[in-house]
Protein backbone atom coordinates (compact mmCIF):
# COMPACT_ATOMS: atom_id res chain seq x y z
CA MET A 1 -3.49 9.71 24.38
CA LYS A 2 -5.59 12.44 22.79
CA LYS A 3 -8.32 11.53 20.35
CA ASN A 4 -7.38 12.41 16.78
CA LEU A 5 -10.15 10.73 14.77
CA GLY A 6 -13.44 12.40 13.93
CA GLN A 7 -16.82 10.70 13.75
CA VAL A 8 -16.76 10.22 9.97
CA ASP A 9 -13.24 8.78 10.02
CA ARG A 10 -14.19 6.39 12.82
CA ALA A 11 -17.32 5.24 10.98
CA ILE A 12 -15.42 4.64 7.74
CA ARG A 13 -12.73 2.61 9.52
CA ILE A 14 -15.29 0.42 11.28
CA MET A 15 -17.28 -0.08 8.07
CA ILE A 16 -14.14 -1.13 6.17
CA ALA A 17 -13.27 -3.58 8.95
CA LEU A 18 -16.76 -5.07 8.84
CA MET A 19 -16.62 -5.40 5.05
CA VAL A 20 -13.27 -7.22 5.21
CA VAL A 21 -14.60 -9.62 7.84
CA GLY A 22 -17.72 -10.11 5.73
CA LEU A 23 -15.57 -11.05 2.74
CA TYR A 24 -13.18 -13.24 4.73
CA ILE A 25 -15.74 -15.45 6.47
CA PRO A 26 -17.31 -16.92 3.29
CA GLY A 27 -13.86 -17.34 1.72
CA ILE A 28 -13.95 -14.54 -0.84
CA LEU A 29 -10.74 -13.22 0.71
CA SER A 30 -8.42 -16.11 1.42
CA GLY A 31 -4.80 -17.11 1.71
CA THR A 32 -2.05 -14.71 2.67
CA PHE A 33 -3.93 -11.74 1.24
CA GLY A 34 -6.96 -12.60 3.36
CA ILE A 35 -4.87 -12.86 6.52
CA VAL A 36 -3.16 -9.52 5.84
CA MET A 37 -6.54 -7.90 5.21
CA MET A 38 -7.90 -9.34 8.46
CA ILE A 39 -4.94 -7.92 10.38
CA LEU A 40 -5.62 -4.51 8.83
CA ALA A 41 -9.32 -4.89 9.64
CA VAL A 42 -8.48 -5.49 13.31
CA ILE A 43 -6.23 -2.43 13.33
CA PHE A 44 -8.94 -0.32 11.68
CA ALA A 45 -11.58 -1.58 14.12
CA VAL A 46 -9.43 -0.89 17.18
CA THR A 47 -8.34 2.57 16.06
CA GLY A 48 -11.94 3.38 15.13
CA MET A 49 -13.22 2.31 18.54
CA ILE A 50 -10.61 4.17 20.58
CA SER A 51 -10.60 7.27 18.31
CA PHE A 52 -6.81 7.33 18.11
CA CYS A 53 -4.55 6.57 15.15
CA PRO A 54 -0.80 6.34 15.83
CA ILE A 55 0.04 7.14 12.21
CA TYR A 56 -2.03 10.33 12.38
CA TYR A 57 -0.17 11.21 15.59
CA VAL A 58 3.26 10.72 14.03
CA PHE A 59 2.42 12.97 11.08
CA GLY A 60 0.52 15.53 13.16
CA LEU A 61 -2.79 14.87 11.44
CA ARG A 62 -6.22 14.85 12.98
CA SER A 63 -9.73 14.51 11.64
CA ASN A 64 -11.26 15.43 14.98
CA LYS A 65 -12.24 19.05 14.49
CA GLU A 66 -13.53 19.49 18.05
CA LEU A 67 -10.08 20.01 19.59
CA THR A 68 -8.17 21.95 16.95
CA PRO A 69 -6.05 24.81 18.31
CA SER A 70 -8.26 27.43 16.67
CA ARG A 71 -11.24 26.26 18.71
CA VAL A 72 -9.51 25.91 22.05
CA LYS A 73 -10.68 28.64 24.39
CA ILE A 74 -7.87 30.26 26.35
CA ASP A 75 -8.83 32.51 29.25
């Protein structure tokens, strides 16, 4: 599993997850919508922490510029 998320992408995902949790705990987000948002927040938090997004992988995307083919050194 190669990392495909850059630092900014990771930070944004974790911040969104924290905001959703912050809105869910006091009851601003509630009901089915709140539960769905919490599930998405968990997914965002996990993908942000492990630096890998399966959806990015499927579509061949990456925001991690450190390992792009143009920067790989081949000897």
